[in-house]
Amino acid sequence: MDRHPLLQVFIEAAHGRFPPADGSVTFLPVHRPGIEAIVAFTGHAYVMSELGPSDFADLRLDGFGLAQRPEAQLRIARGGRIGVVDATMAWLPGPVSEADVADVVEVDSGTDHPRVRHAMSIRRDVRVFTGPDGLVTLSSGLAGRQEMGVAAIDPGQGSGRRLIRAAKRLSSDGSAPLFAAVSPGNARSFRAFQAEGFSVLGSEVVIEVEV
């Protein structure tokens, strides 16, 4: 499969090179049938959908926030499932402390856990790791980016940060940024990712469409 153009946008943003803040919206084809998305950066948004600009002409979408308006999400969904609006976060590979890292082992990706079920529904090549602190997923996510998720068993006791460190060590490509989609409302998780060196790039909503 050819590299999706949004993947390069994500990688450039992770390195601090953002799209122009010109208020525009760029429409892109889907990377995976059934998975569509709206991604917003400062002053520029991307709509990854089977629908095109003419399908949204009446909504007057822009790159200053209106691209992710509920009406646009509903139109893209076409009766499908709309995810939450998450913060797009990224970590550039670097040294990972050997101390206080969660001890995890890889298990069957069919593990019945909400975090795993969510990852399996919208991502590919999902790998699952579990241990006393909780669970880590690594996968090929939106536009093919390297993506992680965690679920701590006992939040607030440092387990989240230990799991994030484990994910950083386990990430499959040590030269590529590692991405995470984090709910801003989950302040504890948000702070943990920031403390572990993840930067906020923008926001995103993933929409599952019937194919």
N, C-alpha and C. Protein backbone atom coordinates (compact mmCIF):
# COMPACT_ATOMS: atom_id res chain seq x y z
N MET A 1 0.84 -1.20 0.00
CA MET A 1 0.00 0.00 0.00
C MET A 1 0.87 1.25 0.00
N ASP A 2 0.50 2.22 -0.85
CA ASP A 2 1.26 3.45 -0.92
C ASP A 2 1.13 4.23 0.39
N ARG A 3 2.15 5.01 0.67
CA ARG A 3 2.13 5.82 1.88
C ARG A 3 1.06 6.90 1.77
N HIS A 4 0.22 7.01 2.78
CA HIS A 4 -0.86 7.99 2.75
C HIS A 4 -0.30 9.38 3.00
N PRO A 5 -0.77 10.40 2.28
CA PRO A 5 -0.21 11.75 2.46
C PRO A 5 -0.38 12.30 3.87
N LEU A 6 -1.41 11.87 4.60
CA LEU A 6 -1.59 12.37 5.96
C LEU A 6 -0.50 11.86 6.90
N LEU A 7 0.08 10.70 6.58
CA LEU A 7 1.16 10.18 7.41
C LEU A 7 2.33 11.15 7.42
N GLN A 8 2.69 11.67 6.27
CA GLN A 8 3.80 12.63 6.21
C GLN A 8 3.47 13.91 6.96
N VAL A 9 2.21 14.33 6.92
CA VAL A 9 1.78 15.51 7.68
C VAL A 9 1.99 15.26 9.17
N PHE A 10 1.59 14.08 9.64
CA PHE A 10 1.78 13.73 11.05
C PHE A 10 3.27 13.75 11.43
N ILE A 11 4.09 13.13 10.60
CA ILE A 11 5.52 13.04 10.90
C ILE A 11 6.16 14.43 10.92
N GLU A 12 5.82 15.25 9.94
CA GLU A 12 6.35 16.61 9.91
C GLU A 12 5.93 17.39 11.15
N ALA A 13 4.66 17.26 11.54
CA ALA A 13 4.17 17.97 12.73
C ALA A 13 4.89 17.49 13.98
N ALA A 14 5.16 16.19 14.07
CA ALA A 14 5.88 15.67 15.23
C ALA A 14 7.26 16.30 15.36
N HIS A 15 7.83 16.71 14.23
CA HIS A 15 9.14 17.37 14.23
C HIS A 15 9.02 18.90 14.30
N GLY A 16 7.81 19.38 14.54
CA GLY A 16 7.62 20.82 14.70
C GLY A 16 7.38 21.58 13.42
N ARG A 17 7.14 20.86 12.33
CA ARG A 17 6.89 21.49 11.03
C ARG A 17 5.41 21.31 10.68
N PHE A 18 4.63 22.33 10.97
CA PHE A 18 3.18 22.22 10.87
C PHE A 18 2.65 22.73 9.53
N PRO A 19 1.43 22.31 9.17
CA PRO A 19 0.80 22.84 7.96
C PRO A 19 0.61 24.35 8.08
N PRO A 20 0.45 25.04 6.96
CA PRO A 20 0.25 26.49 7.01
C PRO A 20 -1.04 26.84 7.75
N ALA A 21 -0.98 27.83 8.62
CA ALA A 21 -2.17 28.26 9.37
C ALA A 21 -2.96 29.25 8.52
N ASP A 22 -3.49 28.74 7.41
CA ASP A 22 -4.16 29.60 6.44
C ASP A 22 -5.68 29.47 6.48
N GLY A 23 -6.18 28.72 7.43
CA GLY A 23 -7.62 28.57 7.59
C GLY A 23 -8.28 27.62 6.62
N SER A 24 -7.49 26.90 5.84
CA SER A 24 -8.08 26.05 4.80
C SER A 24 -8.28 24.61 5.28
N VAL A 25 -9.02 23.86 4.47
CA VAL A 25 -9.29 22.45 4.72
C VAL A 25 -8.81 21.65 3.52
N THR A 26 -7.99 20.63 3.77
CA THR A 26 -7.50 19.76 2.71
C THR A 26 -8.26 18.44 2.77
N PHE A 27 -8.82 18.03 1.65
CA PHE A 27 -9.54 16.76 1.56
C PHE A 27 -8.61 15.69 1.01
N LEU A 28 -8.61 14.54 1.67
CA LEU A 28 -7.74 13.43 1.29
C LEU A 28 -8.54 12.14 1.17
N PRO A 29 -8.07 11.20 0.36
CA PRO A 29 -8.76 9.90 0.27
C PRO A 29 -8.56 9.11 1.55
N VAL A 30 -9.37 8.08 1.73
CA VAL A 30 -9.22 7.24 2.91
C VAL A 30 -7.97 6.38 2.78
N HIS A 31 -7.44 6.00 3.91
CA HIS A 31 -6.29 5.09 3.94
C HIS A 31 -6.76 3.65 4.06
N ARG A 32 -7.88 3.48 4.73
CA ARG A 32 -8.44 2.15 4.97
C ARG A 32 -9.95 2.24 4.80
N PRO A 33 -10.57 1.41 3.94
CA PRO A 33 -12.01 1.49 3.76
C PRO A 33 -12.76 1.36 5.09
N GLY A 34 -13.69 2.25 5.30
CA GLY A 34 -14.49 2.21 6.52
C GLY A 34 -13.97 3.06 7.64
N ILE A 35 -12.75 3.58 7.52
CA ILE A 35 -12.17 4.45 8.55
C ILE A 35 -11.94 5.83 7.94
N GLU A 36 -12.71 6.80 8.41
CA GLU A 36 -12.57 8.17 7.93
C GLU A 36 -12.26 9.06 9.14
N ALA A 37 -11.83 10.28 8.91
CA ALA A 37 -11.36 11.09 10.04
C ALA A 37 -11.34 12.57 9.68
N ILE A 38 -11.37 13.38 10.72
CA ILE A 38 -11.11 14.82 10.60
C ILE A 38 -9.97 15.13 11.56
N VAL A 39 -8.91 15.70 11.04
CA VAL A 39 -7.74 16.04 11.84
C VAL A 39 -7.51 17.54 11.76
N ALA A 40 -7.35 18.18 12.91
CA ALA A 40 -7.19 19.64 12.94
C ALA A 40 -5.86 20.01 13.57
N PHE A 41 -5.14 20.89 12.87
CA PHE A 41 -3.95 21.53 13.41
C PHE A 41 -4.28 23.02 13.58
N THR A 42 -3.34 23.80 14.05
CA THR A 42 -3.58 25.24 14.19
C THR A 42 -3.78 25.86 12.81
N GLY A 43 -5.01 26.29 12.53
CA GLY A 43 -5.29 27.00 11.30
C GLY A 43 -5.36 26.16 10.04
N HIS A 44 -5.37 24.83 10.17
CA HIS A 44 -5.45 23.97 8.98
C HIS A 44 -6.04 22.64 9.40
N ALA A 45 -6.96 22.12 8.58
CA ALA A 45 -7.60 20.85 8.90
C ALA A 45 -7.54 19.91 7.70
N TYR A 46 -7.65 18.61 7.99
CA TYR A 46 -7.66 17.58 6.97
C TYR A 46 -8.89 16.71 7.16
N VAL A 47 -9.60 16.49 6.07
CA VAL A 47 -10.75 15.59 6.07
C VAL A 47 -10.38 14.39 5.22
N MET A 48 -10.30 13.23 5.86
CA MET A 48 -9.96 11.98 5.17
C MET A 48 -11.26 11.20 5.00
N SER A 49 -11.83 11.23 3.79
CA SER A 49 -13.17 10.69 3.60
C SER A 49 -13.40 10.33 2.14
N GLU A 50 -14.41 9.48 1.93
CA GLU A 50 -14.88 9.19 0.58
C GLU A 50 -15.66 10.38 0.03
N LEU A 51 -16.13 11.27 0.91
CA LEU A 51 -16.84 12.46 0.48
C LEU A 51 -15.84 13.54 0.10
N GLY A 52 -16.26 14.48 -0.75
CA GLY A 52 -15.38 15.54 -1.20
C GLY A 52 -15.86 16.91 -0.79
N PRO A 53 -15.15 17.96 -1.17
CA PRO A 53 -15.49 19.33 -0.77
C PRO A 53 -16.92 19.72 -1.09
N SER A 54 -17.45 19.28 -2.24
CA SER A 54 -18.81 19.67 -2.61
C SER A 54 -19.86 19.13 -1.65
N ASP A 55 -19.53 18.04 -0.97
CA ASP A 55 -20.48 17.44 -0.02
C ASP A 55 -20.62 18.26 1.25
N PHE A 56 -19.73 19.23 1.44
CA PHE A 56 -19.75 20.04 2.66
C PHE A 56 -19.90 21.53 2.36
N ALA A 57 -20.24 21.86 1.13
CA ALA A 57 -20.26 23.27 0.71
C ALA A 57 -21.15 24.13 1.60
N ASP A 58 -22.27 23.57 2.03
CA ASP A 58 -23.21 24.36 2.83
C ASP A 58 -22.75 24.57 4.26
N LEU A 59 -21.76 23.80 4.72
CA LEU A 59 -21.30 23.89 6.11
C LEU A 59 -20.19 24.93 6.30
N ARG A 60 -19.62 25.39 5.22
CA ARG A 60 -18.57 26.40 5.29
C ARG A 60 -17.45 26.00 6.28
N LEU A 61 -16.89 24.83 6.05
CA LEU A 61 -15.82 24.34 6.92
C LEU A 61 -14.58 25.21 6.78
N ASP A 62 -13.82 25.31 7.86
CA ASP A 62 -12.55 26.02 7.80
C ASP A 62 -11.54 25.35 8.71
N GLY A 63 -10.31 25.82 8.64
CA GLY A 63 -9.23 25.24 9.43
C GLY A 63 -9.09 25.84 10.81
N PHE A 64 -10.03 26.68 11.20
CA PHE A 64 -9.97 27.33 12.52
C PHE A 64 -10.93 26.70 13.52
N GLY A 65 -11.38 25.48 13.23
CA GLY A 65 -12.23 24.77 14.17
C GLY A 65 -13.50 24.21 13.57
N LEU A 66 -14.01 24.84 12.53
CA LEU A 66 -15.30 24.42 11.98
C LEU A 66 -15.23 23.09 11.22
N ALA A 67 -14.05 22.63 10.85
CA ALA A 67 -13.95 21.35 10.15
C ALA A 67 -14.40 20.19 11.03
N GLN A 68 -14.28 20.36 12.35
CA GLN A 68 -14.68 19.29 13.26
C GLN A 68 -16.05 19.54 13.89
N ARG A 69 -16.82 20.44 13.32
CA ARG A 69 -18.14 20.72 13.87
C ARG A 69 -19.00 19.46 13.81
N PRO A 70 -19.94 19.28 14.73
CA PRO A 70 -20.75 18.05 14.78
C PRO A 70 -21.45 17.74 13.46
N GLU A 71 -21.92 18.77 12.76
CA GLU A 71 -22.61 18.52 11.50
C GLU A 71 -21.70 17.84 10.47
N ALA A 72 -20.43 18.22 10.46
CA ALA A 72 -19.48 17.60 9.54
C ALA A 72 -19.23 16.14 9.93
N GLN A 73 -19.11 15.90 11.22
CA GLN A 73 -18.90 14.53 11.68
C GLN A 73 -20.08 13.63 11.31
N LEU A 74 -21.30 14.14 11.52
CA LEU A 74 -22.49 13.35 11.20
C LEU A 74 -22.58 13.08 9.70
N ARG A 75 -22.19 14.06 8.89
CA ARG A 75 -22.26 13.87 7.45
C ARG A 75 -21.27 12.82 6.98
N ILE A 76 -20.08 12.85 7.54
CA ILE A 76 -19.07 11.84 7.18
C ILE A 76 -19.53 10.46 7.63
N ALA A 77 -20.10 10.37 8.84
CA ALA A 77 -20.47 9.07 9.41
C ALA A 77 -21.49 8.33 8.58
N ARG A 78 -22.44 9.06 7.99
CA ARG A 78 -23.46 8.43 7.15
C ARG A 78 -24.11 7.25 7.88
N GLY A 79 -24.42 7.50 9.15
CA GLY A 79 -25.05 6.46 9.97
C GLY A 79 -24.08 5.57 10.71
N GLY A 80 -22.78 5.78 10.53
CA GLY A 80 -21.76 4.98 11.21
C GLY A 80 -21.45 5.48 12.61
N ARG A 81 -20.32 5.03 13.14
CA ARG A 81 -19.95 5.33 14.52
C ARG A 81 -18.94 6.46 14.56
N ILE A 82 -19.25 7.50 15.33
CA ILE A 82 -18.36 8.64 15.49
C ILE A 82 -17.58 8.49 16.80
N GLY A 83 -16.27 8.57 16.72
CA GLY A 83 -15.45 8.50 17.92
C GLY A 83 -15.43 9.84 18.64
N VAL A 84 -14.69 9.90 19.72
CA VAL A 84 -14.56 11.14 20.48
C VAL A 84 -13.48 12.00 19.83
N VAL A 85 -13.50 13.29 20.13
CA VAL A 85 -12.43 14.18 19.67
C VAL A 85 -11.26 14.06 20.64
N ASP A 86 -10.16 13.54 20.15
CA ASP A 86 -8.97 13.33 20.96
C ASP A 86 -7.89 14.33 20.60
N ALA A 87 -6.98 14.55 21.54
CA ALA A 87 -5.76 15.30 21.24
C ALA A 87 -4.79 14.36 20.53
N THR A 88 -4.18 14.84 19.46
CA THR A 88 -3.15 14.09 18.75
C THR A 88 -1.81 14.39 19.40
N MET A 89 -1.14 13.37 19.92
CA MET A 89 0.12 13.56 20.63
C MET A 89 1.21 12.69 19.99
N ALA A 90 2.45 13.13 20.11
CA ALA A 90 3.55 12.37 19.51
C ALA A 90 4.81 12.49 20.35
N TRP A 91 5.59 11.42 20.30
CA TRP A 91 6.89 11.37 20.98
C TRP A 91 7.96 11.04 19.95
N LEU A 92 9.02 11.83 19.93
CA LEU A 92 10.14 11.56 19.04
C LEU A 92 11.10 10.60 19.73
N PRO A 93 11.52 9.56 19.06
CA PRO A 93 12.38 8.55 19.69
C PRO A 93 13.61 9.15 20.34
N GLY A 94 13.92 8.63 21.49
CA GLY A 94 15.08 9.07 22.25
C GLY A 94 15.33 8.08 23.37
N PRO A 95 16.27 8.38 24.25
CA PRO A 95 16.57 7.47 25.36
C PRO A 95 15.33 7.25 26.24
N VAL A 96 15.16 6.02 26.66
CA VAL A 96 14.07 5.66 27.58
C VAL A 96 14.70 5.11 28.84
N SER A 97 14.33 5.68 29.97
CA SER A 97 14.90 5.24 31.24
C SER A 97 14.67 3.75 31.45
N GLU A 98 15.70 3.05 31.89
CA GLU A 98 15.57 1.63 32.19
C GLU A 98 14.91 1.42 33.55
N ALA A 99 14.83 2.48 34.36
CA ALA A 99 14.24 2.36 35.70
C ALA A 99 12.74 2.63 35.64
N ASP A 100 12.01 1.93 36.47
CA ASP A 100 10.58 2.17 36.65
C ASP A 100 9.80 2.05 35.34
N VAL A 101 10.08 0.99 34.59
CA VAL A 101 9.35 0.69 33.36
C VAL A 101 8.45 -0.51 33.63
N ALA A 102 7.22 -0.46 33.16
CA ALA A 102 6.29 -1.56 33.39
C ALA A 102 6.83 -2.85 32.78
N ASP A 103 6.69 -3.93 33.54
CA ASP A 103 7.09 -5.25 33.08
C ASP A 103 5.89 -5.86 32.35
N VAL A 104 5.98 -5.96 31.03
CA VAL A 104 4.87 -6.48 30.24
C VAL A 104 5.35 -7.58 29.30
N VAL A 105 4.44 -8.48 28.94
CA VAL A 105 4.74 -9.54 27.99
C VAL A 105 3.65 -9.53 26.92
N GLU A 106 4.02 -9.93 25.70
CA GLU A 106 3.05 -9.94 24.62
C GLU A 106 2.07 -11.09 24.78
N VAL A 107 0.81 -10.81 24.52
CA VAL A 107 -0.24 -11.82 24.62
C VAL A 107 -1.05 -11.82 23.32
N ASP A 108 -1.99 -12.75 23.23
CA ASP A 108 -2.85 -12.86 22.05
C ASP A 108 -3.65 -11.58 21.86
N SER A 109 -3.68 -11.08 20.63
CA SER A 109 -4.40 -9.83 20.36
C SER A 109 -5.91 -10.00 20.49
N GLY A 110 -6.37 -11.24 20.67
CA GLY A 110 -7.79 -11.48 20.89
C GLY A 110 -8.22 -11.28 22.32
N THR A 111 -7.31 -10.78 23.17
CA THR A 111 -7.62 -10.53 24.57
C THR A 111 -8.88 -9.68 24.68
N ASP A 112 -9.81 -10.11 25.52
CA ASP A 112 -11.09 -9.41 25.66
C ASP A 112 -10.96 -8.27 26.66
N HIS A 113 -10.56 -7.12 26.14
CA HIS A 113 -10.42 -5.91 26.96
C HIS A 113 -10.92 -4.73 26.13
N PRO A 114 -11.62 -3.78 26.74
CA PRO A 114 -12.16 -2.65 25.97
C PRO A 114 -11.10 -1.92 25.15
N ARG A 115 -9.91 -1.73 25.70
CA ARG A 115 -8.85 -1.03 24.98
C ARG A 115 -8.43 -1.82 23.74
N VAL A 116 -8.37 -3.15 23.87
CA VAL A 116 -7.99 -3.99 22.73
C VAL A 116 -9.09 -4.00 21.69
N ARG A 117 -10.34 -4.13 22.13
CA ARG A 117 -11.45 -4.13 21.18
C ARG A 117 -11.49 -2.82 20.39
N HIS A 118 -11.25 -1.70 21.08
CA HIS A 118 -11.24 -0.41 20.39
C HIS A 118 -10.12 -0.35 19.36
N ALA A 119 -8.93 -0.79 19.76
CA ALA A 119 -7.79 -0.76 18.83
C ALA A 119 -8.06 -1.65 17.62
N MET A 120 -8.62 -2.83 17.85
CA MET A 120 -8.87 -3.75 16.75
C MET A 120 -9.90 -3.20 15.77
N SER A 121 -10.82 -2.35 16.25
CA SER A 121 -11.88 -1.85 15.39
C SER A 121 -11.41 -0.76 14.43
N ILE A 122 -10.36 -0.01 14.80
CA ILE A 122 -9.96 1.12 13.95
C ILE A 122 -8.49 1.08 13.52
N ARG A 123 -7.73 0.09 13.99
CA ARG A 123 -6.30 0.04 13.65
C ARG A 123 -5.94 -1.32 13.08
N ARG A 124 -4.71 -1.42 12.61
CA ARG A 124 -4.22 -2.67 12.04
C ARG A 124 -2.98 -3.15 12.78
N ASP A 125 -2.68 -4.44 12.59
CA ASP A 125 -1.45 -5.03 13.15
C ASP A 125 -1.34 -4.73 14.64
N VAL A 126 -2.41 -4.96 15.36
CA VAL A 126 -2.46 -4.64 16.79
C VAL A 126 -1.68 -5.69 17.59
N ARG A 127 -0.75 -5.19 18.39
CA ARG A 127 0.00 -6.04 19.33
C ARG A 127 -0.41 -5.65 20.75
N VAL A 128 -0.55 -6.65 21.61
CA VAL A 128 -1.04 -6.42 22.97
C VAL A 128 -0.02 -6.95 23.97
N PHE A 129 0.27 -6.13 24.99
CA PHE A 129 1.21 -6.49 26.04
C PHE A 129 0.52 -6.25 27.39
N THR A 130 0.67 -7.19 28.31
CA THR A 130 0.05 -7.03 29.63
C THR A 130 1.07 -7.30 30.73
N GLY A 131 0.76 -6.77 31.91
CA GLY A 131 1.61 -6.97 33.07
C GLY A 131 0.89 -6.47 34.31
N PRO A 132 1.57 -6.47 35.46
CA PRO A 132 0.93 -6.06 36.72
C PRO A 132 0.37 -4.63 36.69
N ASP A 133 0.97 -3.75 35.88
CA ASP A 133 0.50 -2.36 35.84
C ASP A 133 -0.70 -2.16 34.92
N GLY A 134 -0.91 -3.08 33.98
CA GLY A 134 -2.00 -2.90 33.04
C GLY A 134 -1.65 -3.38 31.66
N LEU A 135 -2.12 -2.67 30.67
CA LEU A 135 -2.08 -3.14 29.29
C LEU A 135 -1.54 -2.07 28.35
N VAL A 136 -0.80 -2.51 27.32
CA VAL A 136 -0.26 -1.63 26.28
C VAL A 136 -0.66 -2.19 24.93
N THR A 137 -1.09 -1.32 24.02
CA THR A 137 -1.28 -1.74 22.63
C THR A 137 -0.35 -0.93 21.73
N LEU A 138 0.18 -1.60 20.73
CA LEU A 138 0.96 -0.96 19.67
C LEU A 138 0.35 -1.39 18.35
N SER A 139 0.20 -0.46 17.42
CA SER A 139 -0.50 -0.80 16.19
C SER A 139 -0.15 0.18 15.08
N SER A 140 -0.68 -0.13 13.90
CA SER A 140 -0.64 0.79 12.77
C SER A 140 -1.96 1.55 12.79
N GLY A 141 -1.87 2.84 13.10
CA GLY A 141 -3.07 3.63 13.32
C GLY A 141 -3.45 4.50 12.15
N LEU A 142 -4.03 5.65 12.46
CA LEU A 142 -4.56 6.56 11.44
C LEU A 142 -3.50 6.92 10.41
N ALA A 143 -3.82 6.70 9.14
CA ALA A 143 -2.92 6.98 8.01
C ALA A 143 -1.66 6.13 8.02
N GLY A 144 -1.63 5.09 8.87
CA GLY A 144 -0.48 4.19 8.93
C GLY A 144 0.58 4.59 9.93
N ARG A 145 0.26 5.54 10.81
CA ARG A 145 1.25 5.97 11.80
C ARG A 145 1.43 4.91 12.89
N GLN A 146 2.59 4.93 13.55
CA GLN A 146 2.88 4.05 14.66
C GLN A 146 2.16 4.60 15.90
N GLU A 147 1.23 3.81 16.46
CA GLU A 147 0.34 4.34 17.49
C GLU A 147 0.30 3.42 18.70
N MET A 148 0.12 4.02 19.87
CA MET A 148 0.07 3.26 21.12
C MET A 148 -1.16 3.63 21.93
N GLY A 149 -1.49 2.75 22.87
CA GLY A 149 -2.54 3.03 23.85
C GLY A 149 -2.21 2.29 25.13
N VAL A 150 -2.70 2.78 26.24
CA VAL A 150 -2.46 2.12 27.53
C VAL A 150 -3.76 2.08 28.33
N ALA A 151 -3.84 1.11 29.23
CA ALA A 151 -4.93 1.03 30.19
C ALA A 151 -4.33 0.57 31.51
N ALA A 152 -4.28 1.48 32.50
CA ALA A 152 -3.66 1.17 33.78
C ALA A 152 -4.65 0.47 34.71
N ILE A 153 -4.17 -0.52 35.45
CA ILE A 153 -5.03 -1.22 36.40
C ILE A 153 -5.32 -0.36 37.61
N ASP A 154 -4.33 0.36 38.07
CA ASP A 154 -4.48 1.19 39.28
C ASP A 154 -4.01 2.60 38.96
N PRO A 155 -4.83 3.39 38.26
CA PRO A 155 -4.42 4.73 37.85
C PRO A 155 -4.07 5.61 39.05
N GLY A 156 -3.14 6.51 38.83
CA GLY A 156 -2.77 7.44 39.88
C GLY A 156 -1.62 7.00 40.75
N GLN A 157 -1.12 5.79 40.50
CA GLN A 157 0.01 5.27 41.28
C GLN A 157 1.28 5.17 40.44
N GLY A 158 1.33 5.91 39.36
CA GLY A 158 2.50 5.88 38.49
C GLY A 158 2.45 4.79 37.44
N SER A 159 1.39 3.98 37.46
CA SER A 159 1.33 2.86 36.52
C SER A 159 1.19 3.34 35.08
N GLY A 160 0.45 4.43 34.87
CA GLY A 160 0.29 4.94 33.52
C GLY A 160 1.62 5.33 32.89
N ARG A 161 2.44 6.05 33.64
CA ARG A 161 3.73 6.46 33.12
C ARG A 161 4.64 5.26 32.88
N ARG A 162 4.57 4.26 33.76
CA ARG A 162 5.38 3.07 33.55
C ARG A 162 4.96 2.34 32.27
N LEU A 163 3.66 2.30 32.01
CA LEU A 163 3.17 1.66 30.79
C LEU A 163 3.57 2.45 29.54
N ILE A 164 3.52 3.77 29.62
CA ILE A 164 3.94 4.59 28.48
C ILE A 164 5.42 4.35 28.18
N ARG A 165 6.24 4.27 29.23
CA ARG A 165 7.67 3.99 29.03
C ARG A 165 7.87 2.63 28.37
N ALA A 166 7.07 1.65 28.79
CA ALA A 166 7.17 0.32 28.18
C ALA A 166 6.83 0.39 26.69
N ALA A 167 5.79 1.16 26.35
CA ALA A 167 5.40 1.30 24.95
C ALA A 167 6.51 1.95 24.14
N LYS A 168 7.17 2.94 24.72
CA LYS A 168 8.25 3.61 24.01
C LYS A 168 9.40 2.63 23.74
N ARG A 169 9.68 1.76 24.70
CA ARG A 169 10.74 0.78 24.50
C ARG A 169 10.36 -0.28 23.47
N LEU A 170 9.07 -0.62 23.43
CA LEU A 170 8.60 -1.68 22.56
C LEU A 170 8.27 -1.22 21.15
N SER A 171 8.20 0.10 20.94
CA SER A 171 7.78 0.61 19.64
C SER A 171 8.63 -0.01 18.53
N SER A 172 7.96 -0.37 17.45
CA SER A 172 8.58 -1.23 16.44
C SER A 172 9.66 -0.54 15.62
N ASP A 173 9.55 0.76 15.49
CA ASP A 173 10.52 1.48 14.65
C ASP A 173 11.14 2.59 15.49
N GLY A 174 12.37 2.40 15.88
CA GLY A 174 13.02 3.36 16.76
C GLY A 174 13.31 4.70 16.13
N SER A 175 13.09 4.84 14.81
CA SER A 175 13.37 6.11 14.16
C SER A 175 12.12 6.92 13.86
N ALA A 176 10.95 6.30 13.99
CA ALA A 176 9.69 6.97 13.65
C ALA A 176 9.01 7.49 14.90
N PRO A 177 8.30 8.61 14.80
CA PRO A 177 7.55 9.11 15.95
C PRO A 177 6.52 8.08 16.41
N LEU A 178 6.24 8.10 17.70
CA LEU A 178 5.20 7.25 18.29
C LEU A 178 4.03 8.16 18.63
N PHE A 179 2.84 7.80 18.15
CA PHE A 179 1.66 8.65 18.31
C PHE A 179 0.68 8.07 19.32
N ALA A 180 -0.11 8.95 19.90
CA ALA A 180 -1.18 8.54 20.80
C ALA A 180 -2.34 9.52 20.64
N ALA A 181 -3.55 9.00 20.71
CA ALA A 181 -4.75 9.83 20.70
C ALA A 181 -5.30 9.82 22.13
N VAL A 182 -5.30 10.97 22.76
CA VAL A 182 -5.62 11.06 24.19
C VAL A 182 -6.76 12.04 24.41
N SER A 183 -7.74 11.60 25.18
CA SER A 183 -8.87 12.49 25.49
C SER A 183 -8.42 13.62 26.40
N PRO A 184 -8.62 14.89 26.01
CA PRO A 184 -8.23 16.01 26.89
C PRO A 184 -8.96 15.97 28.22
N GLY A 185 -10.17 15.38 28.22
CA GLY A 185 -10.92 15.31 29.47
C GLY A 185 -10.33 14.32 30.47
N ASN A 186 -9.53 13.36 29.98
CA ASN A 186 -8.86 12.42 30.87
C ASN A 186 -7.56 13.08 31.32
N ALA A 187 -7.70 14.04 32.21
CA ALA A 187 -6.56 14.89 32.57
C ALA A 187 -5.39 14.10 33.13
N ARG A 188 -5.68 13.06 33.89
CA ARG A 188 -4.59 12.27 34.48
C ARG A 188 -3.75 11.62 33.39
N SER A 189 -4.43 11.02 32.41
CA SER A 189 -3.71 10.39 31.29
C SER A 189 -2.99 11.44 30.47
N PHE A 190 -3.66 12.56 30.23
CA PHE A 190 -3.06 13.64 29.44
C PHE A 190 -1.77 14.11 30.08
N ARG A 191 -1.79 14.32 31.39
CA ARG A 191 -0.58 14.76 32.10
C ARG A 191 0.52 13.71 32.05
N ALA A 192 0.13 12.43 32.13
CA ALA A 192 1.12 11.36 32.09
C ALA A 192 1.86 11.34 30.75
N PHE A 193 1.11 11.49 29.66
CA PHE A 193 1.75 11.51 28.35
C PHE A 193 2.66 12.73 28.20
N GLN A 194 2.21 13.86 28.68
CA GLN A 194 3.06 15.06 28.61
C GLN A 194 4.32 14.87 29.43
N ALA A 195 4.19 14.29 30.61
CA ALA A 195 5.35 14.07 31.47
C ALA A 195 6.35 13.11 30.83
N GLU A 196 5.85 12.23 29.96
CA GLU A 196 6.73 11.27 29.28
C GLU A 196 7.22 11.77 27.93
N GLY A 197 7.09 13.08 27.70
CA GLY A 197 7.70 13.67 26.51
C GLY A 197 6.83 13.75 25.28
N PHE A 198 5.54 13.42 25.40
CA PHE A 198 4.64 13.54 24.26
C PHE A 198 4.19 14.99 24.10
N SER A 199 4.21 15.48 22.87
CA SER A 199 3.78 16.84 22.55
C SER A 199 2.41 16.82 21.89
N VAL A 200 1.63 17.86 22.14
CA VAL A 200 0.31 17.99 21.52
C VAL A 200 0.48 18.60 20.13
N LEU A 201 -0.06 17.93 19.12
CA LEU A 201 0.05 18.42 17.75
C LEU A 201 -1.25 19.05 17.26
N GLY A 202 -2.36 18.50 17.66
CA GLY A 202 -3.65 18.96 17.17
C GLY A 202 -4.75 18.12 17.77
N SER A 203 -5.84 17.95 17.03
CA SER A 203 -6.94 17.12 17.50
C SER A 203 -7.49 16.28 16.35
N GLU A 204 -8.18 15.22 16.69
CA GLU A 204 -8.68 14.30 15.66
C GLU A 204 -9.94 13.60 16.13
N VAL A 205 -10.75 13.23 15.17
CA VAL A 205 -11.90 12.37 15.43
C VAL A 205 -11.93 11.31 14.34
N VAL A 206 -12.00 10.05 14.76
CA VAL A 206 -12.04 8.93 13.83
C VAL A 206 -13.49 8.45 13.72
N ILE A 207 -13.91 8.21 12.50
CA ILE A 207 -15.30 7.85 12.23
C ILE A 207 -15.34 6.53 11.47
N GLU A 208 -16.09 5.58 12.00
CA GLU A 208 -16.24 4.28 11.37
C GLU A 208 -17.49 4.30 10.47
N VAL A 209 -17.28 4.06 9.20
CA VAL A 209 -18.33 4.14 8.20
C VAL A 209 -18.63 2.75 7.65
N GLU A 210 -19.90 2.44 7.46
CA GLU A 210 -20.27 1.16 6.88
C GLU A 210 -19.79 1.07 5.43
N VAL A 211 -19.15 -0.06 5.08
CA VAL A 211 -18.69 -0.27 3.71
C VAL A 211 -19.33 -1.50 3.12
